[in-house]
């Protein structure tokens, strides 16, 4: 591309950009966002507004973006652009395996960004998607690399849950039940409620090729019926039998966590935990009696995770859920 003027990306901007490009999101959305961002901020001539870019052919858009990337990398590393695009090819193959891609998306994926020069910026403290990107530079099998280094990517199974408690604890329970989510490429997404979960599932089945496991609380039965109308053969729904996810936690685990959180539990609080009822409401009462901050499920889940130690901390239904997730994952292998 001739007669263009570029303001080079900084090292930090490159790291942020490749991080966004390798997250678990539909490639059309993430590539468009990143490419628009660097073109509007780092292309001095010709200048484009976002509204201008909406009208540009995706091939031309990709050419501008990769030119900015590669020029910036040459300035930062003093390394000329190489013609080895192994990482690009592996990324493109992966995205097409995971997502349904149209022509525009494929045009964005067929870029020549010099990822090989980017990997020098990635260290062991980088997010897992970047550690995975670094591993794509070798010729090893990417599944074996994921298992060996617990890289999480490539993703092969998606788990949809209502809230942050499940998102925090399910991977830990899985690990204790010999199903390591990071080693097995199981990606968990918190939808933020029952209705948003239904909406998210409908969106994903339009763009995603991977099997999906859906977890609802007991009061999500009606929502589950909505999903069943469009449930794919590869997907599975589990409705928690006893109520909410917190109700799956054994009382002894909750007591142990409260001891950790409160330093000690009073007799009154122990008596409260012996009362039948939703665990979340009992915990709200305990926190209220202590005059503490409002009980927050997400924060308590983090403390539960710290206190998970023995097989007795895992209820039978949690074991069942982990087994069902494992079976859904096996569907991907058989396809």
C-alpha atoms as a PDB file:
ATOM      1  CA  UNK A   1       0.000   0.000   0.000  1.00  0.00           C
ATOM      2  CA  UNK A   2       1.628   3.197  -1.182  1.00  0.00           C
ATOM      3  CA  UNK A   3       1.567   6.752   0.192  1.00  0.00           C
ATOM      4  CA  UNK A   4       0.099   5.859   3.550  1.00  0.00           C
ATOM      5  CA  UNK A   5       1.313   7.451   6.788  1.00  0.00           C
ATOM      6  CA  UNK A   6       1.242   5.496  10.043  1.00  0.00           C
ATOM      7  CA  UNK A   7       1.602   6.387  13.699  1.00  0.00           C
ATOM      8  CA  UNK A   8       3.248   3.206  15.082  1.00  0.00           C
ATOM      9  CA  UNK A   9       1.452   1.194  17.726  1.00  0.00           C
ATOM     10  CA  UNK A  10       3.221   1.001  21.065  1.00  0.00           C
ATOM     11  CA  UNK A  11       4.204  -2.338  22.584  1.00  0.00           C
ATOM     12  CA  UNK A  12       1.289  -2.032  25.019  1.00  0.00           C
ATOM     13  CA  UNK A  13      -1.159  -1.348  22.177  1.00  0.00           C
ATOM     14  CA  UNK A  14       0.074  -4.399  20.268  1.00  0.00           C
ATOM     15  CA  UNK A  15      -0.325  -6.647  23.329  1.00  0.00           C
ATOM     16  CA  UNK A  16      -3.843  -5.328  23.957  1.00  0.00           C
ATOM     17  CA  UNK A  17      -4.754  -5.822  20.287  1.00  0.00           C
ATOM     18  CA  UNK A  18      -3.517  -9.410  19.969  1.00  0.00           C
ATOM     19  CA  UNK A  19      -5.170 -10.205  23.302  1.00  0.00           C
ATOM     20  CA  UNK A  20      -8.506  -9.003  21.929  1.00  0.00           C
ATOM     21  CA  UNK A  21      -7.983 -10.862  18.648  1.00  0.00           C
ATOM     22  CA  UNK A  22      -7.484 -14.216  20.397  1.00  0.00           C
ATOM     23  CA  UNK A  23     -10.280 -14.120  22.991  1.00  0.00           C
ATOM     24  CA  UNK A  24     -13.275 -16.465  22.741  1.00  0.00           C
ATOM     25  CA  UNK A  25     -15.544 -14.253  20.650  1.00  0.00           C
ATOM     26  CA  UNK A  26     -16.860 -14.445  17.123  1.00  0.00           C
ATOM     27  CA  UNK A  27     -13.961 -13.407  14.843  1.00  0.00           C
ATOM     28  CA  UNK A  28     -16.061 -10.939  12.838  1.00  0.00           C
ATOM     29  CA  UNK A  29     -16.868  -8.932  15.967  1.00  0.00           C
ATOM     30  CA  UNK A  30     -13.417  -8.939  17.557  1.00  0.00           C
ATOM     31  CA  UNK A  31     -11.409  -8.420  14.341  1.00  0.00           C
ATOM     32  CA  UNK A  32     -13.666  -5.597  13.193  1.00  0.00           C
ATOM     33  CA  UNK A  33     -13.413  -3.875  16.574  1.00  0.00           C
ATOM     34  CA  UNK A  34      -9.600  -4.134  16.734  1.00  0.00           C
ATOM     35  CA  UNK A  35      -9.063  -3.198  13.090  1.00  0.00           C
ATOM     36  CA  UNK A  36     -11.404  -0.196  13.326  1.00  0.00           C
ATOM     37  CA  UNK A  37      -9.639   0.962  16.468  1.00  0.00           C
ATOM     38  CA  UNK A  38      -6.095   0.925  15.101  1.00  0.00           C
ATOM     39  CA  UNK A  39      -7.076   2.346  11.707  1.00  0.00           C
ATOM     40  CA  UNK A  40      -8.930   5.327  13.194  1.00  0.00           C
ATOM     41  CA  UNK A  41      -6.178   6.027  15.754  1.00  0.00           C
ATOM     42  CA  UNK A  42      -2.957   5.015  13.987  1.00  0.00           C
ATOM     43  CA  UNK A  43      -3.524   5.657  10.291  1.00  0.00           C
ATOM     44  CA  UNK A  44      -2.569   9.294   9.693  1.00  0.00           C
ATOM     45  CA  UNK A  45      -3.145   9.228   5.943  1.00  0.00           C
ATOM     46  CA  UNK A  46      -5.613   8.429   4.536  1.00  0.00           C
ATOM     47  CA  UNK A  47      -7.854   9.226   7.485  1.00  0.00           C
ATOM     48  CA  UNK A  48     -11.053   7.339   8.190  1.00  0.00           C
ATOM     49  CA  UNK A  49     -13.925   7.717  10.592  1.00  0.00           C
ATOM     50  CA  UNK A  50     -15.758   4.663  11.872  1.00  0.00           C
ATOM     51  CA  UNK A  51     -18.667   5.488   9.558  1.00  0.00           C
ATOM     52  CA  UNK A  52     -16.226   5.449   6.624  1.00  0.00           C
ATOM     53  CA  UNK A  53     -14.869   2.035   7.598  1.00  0.00           C
ATOM     54  CA  UNK A  54     -18.373   0.567   7.627  1.00  0.00           C
ATOM     55  CA  UNK A  55     -18.418   1.048   3.847  1.00  0.00           C
ATOM     56  CA  UNK A  56     -14.943  -0.356   3.104  1.00  0.00           C
ATOM     57  CA  UNK A  57     -14.440  -3.815   1.633  1.00  0.00           C
ATOM     58  CA  UNK A  58     -13.201  -6.193   4.396  1.00  0.00           C
ATOM     59  CA  UNK A  59     -10.169  -7.157   2.295  1.00  0.00           C
ATOM     60  CA  UNK A  60      -9.038  -3.521   2.114  1.00  0.00           C
ATOM     61  CA  UNK A  61      -9.805  -3.077   5.811  1.00  0.00           C
ATOM     62  CA  UNK A  62      -7.615  -6.081   6.603  1.00  0.00           C
ATOM     63  CA  UNK A  63      -4.796  -4.749   4.426  1.00  0.00           C
ATOM     64  CA  UNK A  64      -4.747  -1.415   6.251  1.00  0.00           C
ATOM     65  CA  UNK A  65      -4.787  -3.103   9.677  1.00  0.00           C
ATOM     66  CA  UNK A  66      -2.002  -5.582   8.924  1.00  0.00           C
ATOM     67  CA  UNK A  67       0.112  -2.782   7.403  1.00  0.00           C
ATOM     68  CA  UNK A  68      -0.199  -0.789  10.656  1.00  0.00           C
ATOM     69  CA  UNK A  69       0.598  -3.875  12.744  1.00  0.00           C
ATOM     70  CA  UNK A  70       3.616  -4.933  10.735  1.00  0.00           C
ATOM     71  CA  UNK A  71       5.064  -1.453  10.323  1.00  0.00           C
ATOM     72  CA  UNK A  72       4.756  -0.948  14.085  1.00  0.00           C
ATOM     73  CA  UNK A  73       6.415  -4.292  14.811  1.00  0.00           C
ATOM     74  CA  UNK A  74       9.336  -3.472  12.519  1.00  0.00           C
ATOM     75  CA  UNK A  75       9.863  -0.206  14.365  1.00  0.00           C
ATOM     76  CA  UNK A  76       9.706  -1.904  17.768  1.00  0.00           C
ATOM     77  CA  UNK A  77      11.744  -5.030  17.051  1.00  0.00           C
ATOM     78  CA  UNK A  78      13.930  -4.005  14.101  1.00  0.00           C
ATOM     79  CA  UNK A  79      12.784  -7.251  12.465  1.00  0.00           C
ATOM     80  CA  UNK A  80      11.608  -7.252   8.889  1.00  0.00           C
ATOM     81  CA  UNK A  81       8.261  -8.824   8.126  1.00  0.00           C
ATOM     82  CA  UNK A  82       8.686 -12.536   7.420  1.00  0.00           C
ATOM     83  CA  UNK A  83       6.673 -14.680   5.050  1.00  0.00           C
ATOM     84  CA  UNK A  84       6.080 -17.452   7.600  1.00  0.00           C
ATOM     85  CA  UNK A  85       2.406 -17.266   8.475  1.00  0.00           C
ATOM     86  CA  UNK A  86       2.063 -20.524  10.410  1.00  0.00           C
ATOM     87  CA  UNK A  87       0.377 -18.806  13.366  1.00  0.00           C
ATOM     88  CA  UNK A  88      -2.079 -16.977  11.093  1.00  0.00           C
ATOM     89  CA  UNK A  89      -3.037 -20.223   9.355  1.00  0.00           C
ATOM     90  CA  UNK A  90      -3.562 -22.061  12.639  1.00  0.00           C
ATOM     91  CA  UNK A  91      -5.663 -19.205  14.023  1.00  0.00           C
ATOM     92  CA  UNK A  92      -7.788 -19.156  10.875  1.00  0.00           C
ATOM     93  CA  UNK A  93      -8.316 -22.926  10.966  1.00  0.00           C
ATOM     94  CA  UNK A  94      -9.248 -22.795  14.641  1.00  0.00           C
ATOM     95  CA  UNK A  95     -11.779 -19.966  14.273  1.00  0.00           C
ATOM     96  CA  UNK A  96     -13.448 -21.733  11.342  1.00  0.00           C
ATOM     97  CA  UNK A  97     -13.680 -24.921  13.401  1.00  0.00           C
ATOM     98  CA  UNK A  98     -15.357 -23.078  16.273  1.00  0.00           C
ATOM     99  CA  UNK A  99     -17.524 -20.464  14.552  1.00  0.00           C
ATOM    100  CA  UNK A 100     -19.741 -20.223  11.484  1.00  0.00           C
ATOM    101  CA  UNK A 101     -17.916 -17.752   9.243  1.00  0.00           C
ATOM    102  CA  UNK A 102     -19.209 -15.793   6.238  1.00  0.00           C
ATOM    103  CA  UNK A 103     -17.114 -14.256   3.452  1.00  0.00           C
ATOM    104  CA  UNK A 104     -16.442 -11.032   5.383  1.00  0.00           C
ATOM    105  CA  UNK A 105     -15.235 -12.968   8.403  1.00  0.00           C
ATOM    106  CA  UNK A 106     -12.957 -15.155   6.302  1.00  0.00           C
ATOM    107  CA  UNK A 107     -11.482 -12.019   4.710  1.00  0.00           C
ATOM    108  CA  UNK A 108     -10.615 -10.672   8.165  1.00  0.00           C
ATOM    109  CA  UNK A 109      -9.075 -13.993   9.185  1.00  0.00           C
ATOM    110  CA  UNK A 110      -6.919 -14.191   6.056  1.00  0.00           C
ATOM    111  CA  UNK A 111      -4.564 -11.512   7.349  1.00  0.00           C
ATOM    112  CA  UNK A 112      -0.767 -11.438   7.337  1.00  0.00           C
ATOM    113  CA  UNK A 113      -0.171  -9.904  10.761  1.00  0.00           C
ATOM    114  CA  UNK A 114       3.351 -10.731  11.881  1.00  0.00           C
ATOM    115  CA  UNK A 115       2.370 -12.753  14.948  1.00  0.00           C
ATOM    116  CA  UNK A 116       5.829 -14.337  15.060  1.00  0.00           C
ATOM    117  CA  UNK A 117       7.245 -10.924  16.013  1.00  0.00           C
ATOM    118  CA  UNK A 118       4.529 -10.439  18.649  1.00  0.00           C
ATOM    119  CA  UNK A 119       5.351 -13.521  20.686  1.00  0.00           C
ATOM    120  CA  UNK A 120       8.456 -11.894  22.158  1.00  0.00           C
ATOM    121  CA  UNK A 121       6.064  -9.619  24.069  1.00  0.00           C
ATOM    122  CA  UNK A 122       4.294 -12.587  25.728  1.00  0.00           C
ATOM    123  CA  UNK A 123       5.505 -13.892  29.097  1.00  0.00           C
ATOM    124  CA  UNK A 124       4.240 -16.415  31.654  1.00  0.00           C
ATOM    125  CA  UNK A 125       2.054 -13.759  33.308  1.00  0.00           C
ATOM    126  CA  UNK A 126       0.137 -13.147  30.089  1.00  0.00           C
ATOM    127  CA  UNK A 127      -3.495 -14.321  29.685  1.00  0.00           C
ATOM    128  CA  UNK A 128      -3.974 -17.935  28.597  1.00  0.00           C
ATOM    129  CA  UNK A 129      -5.110 -16.950  25.108  1.00  0.00           C
ATOM    130  CA  UNK A 130      -1.748 -15.225  24.546  1.00  0.00           C
ATOM    131  CA  UNK A 131       0.199 -18.153  25.985  1.00  0.00           C
ATOM    132  CA  UNK A 132      -1.700 -20.342  23.528  1.00  0.00           C
ATOM    133  CA  UNK A 133      -0.853 -17.942  20.687  1.00  0.00           C
ATOM    134  CA  UNK A 134       2.820 -18.294  21.576  1.00  0.00           C
ATOM    135  CA  UNK A 135       2.541 -22.082  21.438  1.00  0.00           C
ATOM    136  CA  UNK A 136       1.054 -21.897  17.929  1.00  0.00           C
ATOM    137  CA  UNK A 137       4.502 -20.923  16.690  1.00  0.00           C
ATOM    138  CA  UNK A 138       5.747 -24.508  16.970  1.00  0.00           C
ATOM    139  CA  UNK A 139       4.689 -27.567  14.990  1.00  0.00           C
ATOM    140  CA  UNK A 140       3.264 -29.550  17.903  1.00  0.00           C
ATOM    141  CA  UNK A 141      -0.325 -30.719  18.008  1.00  0.00           C
ATOM    142  CA  UNK A 142      -2.323 -27.839  19.543  1.00  0.00           C
ATOM    143  CA  UNK A 143      -4.524 -30.169  21.613  1.00  0.00           C
ATOM    144  CA  UNK A 144      -1.464 -31.839  23.145  1.00  0.00           C
ATOM    145  CA  UNK A 145       0.010 -28.405  23.888  1.00  0.00           C
ATOM    146  CA  UNK A 146      -3.222 -27.335  25.584  1.00  0.00           C
ATOM    147  CA  UNK A 147      -3.237 -30.406  27.807  1.00  0.00           C
ATOM    148  CA  UNK A 148       0.469 -30.133  28.601  1.00  0.00           C
ATOM    149  CA  UNK A 149       0.367 -26.451  29.564  1.00  0.00           C
ATOM    150  CA  UNK A 150      -3.302 -26.052  30.699  1.00  0.00           C
ATOM    151  CA  UNK A 151      -3.787 -23.379  28.035  1.00  0.00           C
ATOM    152  CA  UNK A 152      -7.619 -23.469  27.876  1.00  0.00           C
ATOM    153  CA  UNK A 153      -7.380 -22.905  24.108  1.00  0.00           C
ATOM    154  CA  UNK A 154      -8.389 -24.258  21.665  1.00  0.00           C
ATOM    155  CA  UNK A 155     -11.895 -24.267  23.143  1.00  0.00           C
ATOM    156  CA  UNK A 156     -13.924 -27.396  22.370  1.00  0.00           C
ATOM    157  CA  UNK A 157     -16.933 -27.129  24.691  1.00  0.00           C
ATOM    158  CA  UNK A 158     -18.986 -24.211  26.051  1.00  0.00           C
ATOM    159  CA  UNK A 159     -20.769 -24.201  29.419  1.00  0.00           C
ATOM    160  CA  UNK A 160     -23.483 -21.584  29.996  1.00  0.00           C
ATOM    161  CA  UNK A 161     -24.434 -20.731  33.583  1.00  0.00           C
ATOM    162  CA  UNK A 162     -26.606 -18.140  35.270  1.00  0.00           C
ATOM    163  CA  UNK A 163     -24.131 -16.438  37.570  1.00  0.00           C
ATOM    164  CA  UNK A 164     -20.649 -15.829  38.915  1.00  0.00           C
ATOM    165  CA  UNK A 165     -20.873 -18.547  41.598  1.00  0.00           C
ATOM    166  CA  UNK A 166     -21.056 -21.305  38.994  1.00  0.00           C
ATOM    167  CA  UNK A 167     -18.429 -19.601  36.845  1.00  0.00           C
ATOM    168  CA  UNK A 168     -16.038 -19.524  39.818  1.00  0.00           C
ATOM    169  CA  UNK A 169     -16.671 -22.970  41.287  1.00  0.00           C
ATOM    170  CA  UNK A 170     -17.464 -25.327  38.403  1.00  0.00           C
ATOM    171  CA  UNK A 171     -13.872 -25.352  37.039  1.00  0.00           C
ATOM    172  CA  UNK A 172     -12.558 -26.131  40.542  1.00  0.00           C
ATOM    173  CA  UNK A 173     -15.125 -28.898  41.064  1.00  0.00           C
ATOM    174  CA  UNK A 174     -14.225 -30.222  37.622  1.00  0.00           C
ATOM    175  CA  UNK A 175     -10.552 -30.327  38.520  1.00  0.00           C
ATOM    176  CA  UNK A 176     -11.353 -32.268  41.704  1.00  0.00           C
ATOM    177  CA  UNK A 177     -13.424 -34.708  39.618  1.00  0.00           C
ATOM    178  CA  UNK A 178     -10.607 -35.244  37.083  1.00  0.00           C
ATOM    179  CA  UNK A 179     -12.067 -32.896  34.469  1.00  0.00           C
ATOM    180  CA  UNK A 180      -9.644 -29.987  34.150  1.00  0.00           C
ATOM    181  CA  UNK A 181     -11.460 -27.258  32.211  1.00  0.00           C
ATOM    182  CA  UNK A 182      -8.235 -25.601  31.032  1.00  0.00           C
ATOM    183  CA  UNK A 183      -6.658 -28.858  29.889  1.00  0.00           C
ATOM    184  CA  UNK A 184      -9.827 -30.007  28.149  1.00  0.00           C
ATOM    185  CA  UNK A 185     -10.728 -26.720  26.448  1.00  0.00           C
ATOM    186  CA  UNK A 186     -13.987 -26.159  28.354  1.00  0.00           C
ATOM    187  CA  UNK A 187     -15.055 -22.514  28.304  1.00  0.00           C
ATOM    188  CA  UNK A 188     -17.596 -21.310  30.870  1.00  0.00           C
ATOM    189  CA  UNK A 189     -19.731 -18.188  30.363  1.00  0.00           C
ATOM    190  CA  UNK A 190     -21.872 -16.483  33.009  1.00  0.00           C
ATOM    191  CA  UNK A 191     -24.975 -15.030  31.355  1.00  0.00           C
ATOM    192  CA  UNK A 192     -26.076 -12.942  34.347  1.00  0.00           C
ATOM    193  CA  UNK A 193     -29.488 -14.529  34.885  1.00  0.00           C
ATOM    194  CA  UNK A 194     -32.035 -16.964  33.463  1.00  0.00           C
ATOM    195  CA  UNK A 195     -33.519 -14.808  30.716  1.00  0.00           C
ATOM    196  CA  UNK A 196     -30.116 -13.560  29.496  1.00  0.00           C
ATOM    197  CA  UNK A 197     -28.970 -17.200  29.413  1.00  0.00           C
ATOM    198  CA  UNK A 198     -31.823 -18.115  27.057  1.00  0.00           C
ATOM    199  CA  UNK A 199     -31.011 -15.129  24.842  1.00  0.00           C
ATOM    200  CA  UNK A 200     -27.308 -16.002  24.824  1.00  0.00           C
ATOM    201  CA  UNK A 201     -28.017 -19.607  23.855  1.00  0.00           C
ATOM    202  CA  UNK A 202     -30.174 -18.476  20.933  1.00  0.00           C
ATOM    203  CA  UNK A 203     -27.357 -16.177  19.778  1.00  0.00           C
ATOM    204  CA  UNK A 204     -24.662 -18.836  20.108  1.00  0.00           C
ATOM    205  CA  UNK A 205     -26.439 -21.550  18.150  1.00  0.00           C
ATOM    206  CA  UNK A 206     -26.499 -19.165  15.162  1.00  0.00           C
ATOM    207  CA  UNK A 207     -22.717 -18.734  15.161  1.00  0.00           C
ATOM    208  CA  UNK A 208     -21.147 -21.582  17.161  1.00  0.00           C
ATOM    209  CA  UNK A 209     -20.237 -25.092  15.999  1.00  0.00           C
ATOM    210  CA  UNK A 210     -19.219 -26.392  19.442  1.00  0.00           C
ATOM    211  CA  UNK A 211     -21.437 -28.391  21.852  1.00  0.00           C
ATOM    212  CA  UNK A 212     -23.044 -26.383  24.652  1.00  0.00           C
ATOM    213  CA  UNK A 213     -23.919 -27.457  28.212  1.00  0.00           C
ATOM    214  CA  UNK A 214     -26.579 -25.294  29.935  1.00  0.00           C
ATOM    215  CA  UNK A 215     -27.046 -25.140  33.705  1.00  0.00           C
ATOM    216  CA  UNK A 216     -30.226 -23.697  35.258  1.00  0.00           C
ATOM    217  CA  UNK A 217     -31.323 -23.256  38.851  1.00  0.00           C
ATOM    218  CA  UNK A 218     -34.505 -25.115  39.864  1.00  0.00           C
ATOM    219  CA  UNK A 219     -36.671 -22.060  39.152  1.00  0.00           C
ATOM    220  CA  UNK A 220     -35.347 -21.968  35.590  1.00  0.00           C
ATOM    221  CA  UNK A 221     -37.540 -24.864  34.429  1.00  0.00           C
ATOM    222  CA  UNK A 222     -39.691 -22.621  32.246  1.00  0.00           C
ATOM    223  CA  UNK A 223     -36.581 -21.072  30.693  1.00  0.00           C
ATOM    224  CA  UNK A 224     -35.247 -24.547  29.979  1.00  0.00           C
ATOM    225  CA  UNK A 225     -38.498 -25.391  28.166  1.00  0.00           C
ATOM    226  CA  UNK A 226     -37.944 -22.340  25.939  1.00  0.00           C
ATOM    227  CA  UNK A 227     -34.470 -23.563  25.015  1.00  0.00           C
ATOM    228  CA  UNK A 228     -35.620 -27.138  24.382  1.00  0.00           C
ATOM    229  CA  UNK A 229     -37.591 -25.892  21.388  1.00  0.00           C
ATOM    230  CA  UNK A 230     -34.283 -25.086  19.667  1.00  0.00           C
ATOM    231  CA  UNK A 231     -31.931 -27.463  21.495  1.00  0.00           C
ATOM    232  CA  UNK A 232     -29.364 -28.987  19.137  1.00  0.00           C
ATOM    233  CA  UNK A 233     -28.530 -32.723  19.346  1.00  0.00           C
ATOM    234  CA  UNK A 234     -25.023 -31.816  20.572  1.00  0.00           C
ATOM    235  CA  UNK A 235     -26.288 -29.761  23.524  1.00  0.00           C
ATOM    236  CA  UNK A 236     -27.474 -30.671  27.031  1.00  0.00           C
ATOM    237  CA  UNK A 237     -29.525 -28.935  29.745  1.00  0.00           C
ATOM    238  CA  UNK A 238     -29.238 -29.666  33.466  1.00  0.00           C
ATOM    239  CA  UNK A 239     -31.720 -28.207  35.957  1.00  0.00           C
ATOM    240  CA  UNK A 240     -30.463 -28.191  39.562  1.00  0.00           C
ATOM    241  CA  UNK A 241     -32.790 -30.437  41.539  1.00  0.00           C
ATOM    242  CA  UNK A 242     -32.409 -28.872  44.998  1.00  0.00           C
ATOM    243  CA  UNK A 243     -32.740 -25.177  44.127  1.00  0.00           C
ATOM    244  CA  UNK A 244     -29.855 -22.784  43.441  1.00  0.00           C
ATOM    245  CA  UNK A 245     -26.204 -23.639  42.846  1.00  0.00           C
ATOM    246  CA  UNK A 246     -25.383 -22.599  46.437  1.00  0.00           C
ATOM    247  CA  UNK A 247     -27.760 -25.342  47.627  1.00  0.00           C
ATOM    248  CA  UNK A 248     -25.452 -27.919  46.043  1.00  0.00           C
ATOM    249  CA  UNK A 249     -22.680 -26.983  48.457  1.00  0.00           C
ATOM    250  CA  UNK A 250     -22.441 -29.383  51.434  1.00  0.00           C
ATOM    251  CA  UNK A 251     -23.176 -27.742  54.796  1.00  0.00           C
ATOM    252  CA  UNK A 252     -19.754 -28.728  56.142  1.00  0.00           C
ATOM    253  CA  UNK A 253     -18.109 -26.893  53.228  1.00  0.00           C
ATOM    254  CA  UNK A 254     -20.212 -23.805  53.979  1.00  0.00           C
ATOM    255  CA  UNK A 255     -19.264 -23.978  57.671  1.00  0.00           C
ATOM    256  CA  UNK A 256     -15.599 -24.320  56.767  1.00  0.00           C
ATOM    257  CA  UNK A 257     -15.872 -21.307  54.464  1.00  0.00           C
ATOM    258  CA  UNK A 258     -17.647 -19.256  57.115  1.00  0.00           C
ATOM    259  CA  UNK A 259     -14.912 -20.102  59.601  1.00  0.00           C
ATOM    260  CA  UNK A 260     -12.448 -18.786  57.036  1.00  0.00           C
ATOM    261  CA  UNK A 261     -14.545 -15.676  56.354  1.00  0.00           C
ATOM    262  CA  UNK A 262     -15.712 -14.874  59.885  1.00  0.00           C
ATOM    263  CA  UNK A 263     -12.745 -16.392  61.772  1.00  0.00           C
ATOM    264  CA  UNK A 264     -15.199 -18.350  63.935  1.00  0.00           C
ATOM    265  CA  UNK A 265     -18.851 -19.358  63.824  1.00  0.00           C
ATOM    266  CA  UNK A 266     -21.167 -18.793  66.777  1.00  0.00           C
ATOM    267  CA  UNK A 267     -23.570 -21.441  68.070  1.00  0.00           C
ATOM    268  CA  UNK A 268     -26.472 -19.372  66.740  1.00  0.00           C
ATOM    269  CA  UNK A 269     -24.974 -19.375  63.269  1.00  0.00           C
ATOM    270  CA  UNK A 270     -24.358 -23.115  63.368  1.00  0.00           C
ATOM    271  CA  UNK A 271     -27.987 -23.598  64.397  1.00  0.00           C
ATOM    272  CA  UNK A 272     -29.118 -21.463  61.455  1.00  0.00           C
ATOM    273  CA  UNK A 273     -27.242 -23.707  59.052  1.00  0.00           C
ATOM    274  CA  UNK A 274     -29.106 -26.738  60.359  1.00  0.00           C
ATOM    275  CA  UNK A 275     -32.423 -25.180  59.305  1.00  0.00           C
ATOM    276  CA  UNK A 276     -33.850 -26.391  56.001  1.00  0.00           C
ATOM    277  CA  UNK A 277     -33.975 -23.642  53.433  1.00  0.00           C
ATOM    278  CA  UNK A 278     -32.110 -22.008  50.586  1.00  0.00           C
ATOM    279  CA  UNK A 279     -28.440 -21.690  51.530  1.00  0.00           C
ATOM    280  CA  UNK A 280     -28.158 -18.189  50.077  1.00  0.00           C
ATOM    281  CA  UNK A 281     -30.934 -16.892  52.353  1.00  0.00           C
ATOM    282  CA  UNK A 282     -29.367 -18.535  55.414  1.00  0.00           C
ATOM    283  CA  UNK A 283     -26.031 -16.934  54.563  1.00  0.00           C
ATOM    284  CA  UNK A 284     -27.708 -13.547  54.121  1.00  0.00           C
ATOM    285  CA  UNK A 285     -29.141 -13.915  57.647  1.00  0.00           C
ATOM    286  CA  UNK A 286     -25.761 -14.859  59.118  1.00  0.00           C
ATOM    287  CA  UNK A 287     -24.028 -11.882  57.529  1.00  0.00           C
ATOM    288  CA  UNK A 288     -26.844  -9.642  58.742  1.00  0.00           C
ATOM    289  CA  UNK A 289     -26.541 -10.967  62.310  1.00  0.00           C
ATOM    290  CA  UNK A 290     -22.832 -10.256  62.248  1.00  0.00           C
ATOM    291  CA  UNK A 291     -23.445  -6.672  61.180  1.00  0.00           C
ATOM    292  CA  UNK A 292     -21.158  -7.298  58.222  1.00  0.00           C
ATOM    293  CA  UNK A 293     -21.329  -6.153  54.659  1.00  0.00           C
ATOM    294  CA  UNK A 294     -24.145  -7.435  52.468  1.00  0.00           C
ATOM    295  CA  UNK A 295     -23.754 -11.109  51.549  1.00  0.00           C
ATOM    296  CA  UNK A 296     -22.451 -11.318  48.000  1.00  0.00           C
ATOM    297  CA  UNK A 297     -22.616 -14.639  46.184  1.00  0.00           C
ATOM    298  CA  UNK A 298     -19.646 -13.956  43.919  1.00  0.00           C
ATOM    299  CA  UNK A 299     -17.338 -12.997  46.798  1.00  0.00           C
ATOM    300  CA  UNK A 300     -18.440 -15.957  48.902  1.00  0.00           C
ATOM    301  CA  UNK A 301     -17.807 -18.295  45.943  1.00  0.00           C
ATOM    302  CA  UNK A 302     -14.173 -17.152  45.869  1.00  0.00           C
ATOM    303  CA  UNK A 303     -13.806 -18.112  49.532  1.00  0.00           C
ATOM    304  CA  UNK A 304     -15.518 -21.452  48.920  1.00  0.00           C
ATOM    305  CA  UNK A 305     -13.010 -22.130  46.144  1.00  0.00           C
ATOM    306  CA  UNK A 306     -10.124 -21.520  48.555  1.00  0.00           C
ATOM    307  CA  UNK A 307     -11.623 -23.978  51.041  1.00  0.00           C
ATOM    308  CA  UNK A 308     -12.356 -26.802  48.593  1.00  0.00           C
ATOM    309  CA  UNK A 309     -10.051 -29.592  49.721  1.00  0.00           C
ATOM    310  CA  UNK A 310     -11.522 -33.088  49.921  1.00  0.00           C
ATOM    311  CA  UNK A 311     -13.987 -35.332  48.023  1.00  0.00           C
ATOM    312  CA  UNK A 312     -16.519 -34.766  50.819  1.00  0.00           C
ATOM    313  CA  UNK A 313     -16.729 -31.124  49.675  1.00  0.00           C
ATOM    314  CA  UNK A 314     -18.419 -32.284  46.479  1.00  0.00           C
ATOM    315  CA  UNK A 315     -22.108 -33.214  46.498  1.00  0.00           C
ATOM    316  CA  UNK A 316     -23.479 -36.030  44.352  1.00  0.00           C
ATOM    317  CA  UNK A 317     -25.349 -33.665  42.048  1.00  0.00           C
ATOM    318  CA  UNK A 318     -22.185 -31.640  41.433  1.00  0.00           C
ATOM    319  CA  UNK A 319     -20.449 -34.887  40.449  1.00  0.00           C
ATOM    320  CA  UNK A 320     -23.355 -35.619  38.127  1.00  0.00           C
ATOM    321  CA  UNK A 321     -23.079 -32.167  36.516  1.00  0.00           C
ATOM    322  CA  UNK A 322     -19.344 -32.619  35.927  1.00  0.00           C
ATOM    323  CA  UNK A 323     -19.981 -36.048  34.370  1.00  0.00           C
ATOM    324  CA  UNK A 324     -22.601 -34.552  32.050  1.00  0.00           C
ATOM    325  CA  UNK A 325     -20.213 -31.785  30.959  1.00  0.00           C
ATOM    326  CA  UNK A 326     -17.613 -34.460  30.220  1.00  0.00           C
ATOM    327  CA  UNK A 327     -20.135 -36.372  28.078  1.00  0.00           C
ATOM    328  CA  UNK A 328     -21.044 -33.236  26.125  1.00  0.00           C
ATOM    329  CA  UNK A 329     -17.350 -32.704  25.437  1.00  0.00           C
ATOM    330  CA  UNK A 330     -17.105 -36.260  24.064  1.00  0.00           C
ATOM    331  CA  UNK A 331     -19.756 -35.349  21.479  1.00  0.00           C
ATOM    332  CA  UNK A 332     -17.263 -32.924  19.910  1.00  0.00           C
ATOM    333  CA  UNK A 333     -14.710 -35.719  19.534  1.00  0.00           C
ATOM    334  CA  UNK A 334     -17.194 -38.027  17.848  1.00  0.00           C
ATOM    335  CA  UNK A 335     -18.346 -35.421  15.301  1.00  0.00           C
END
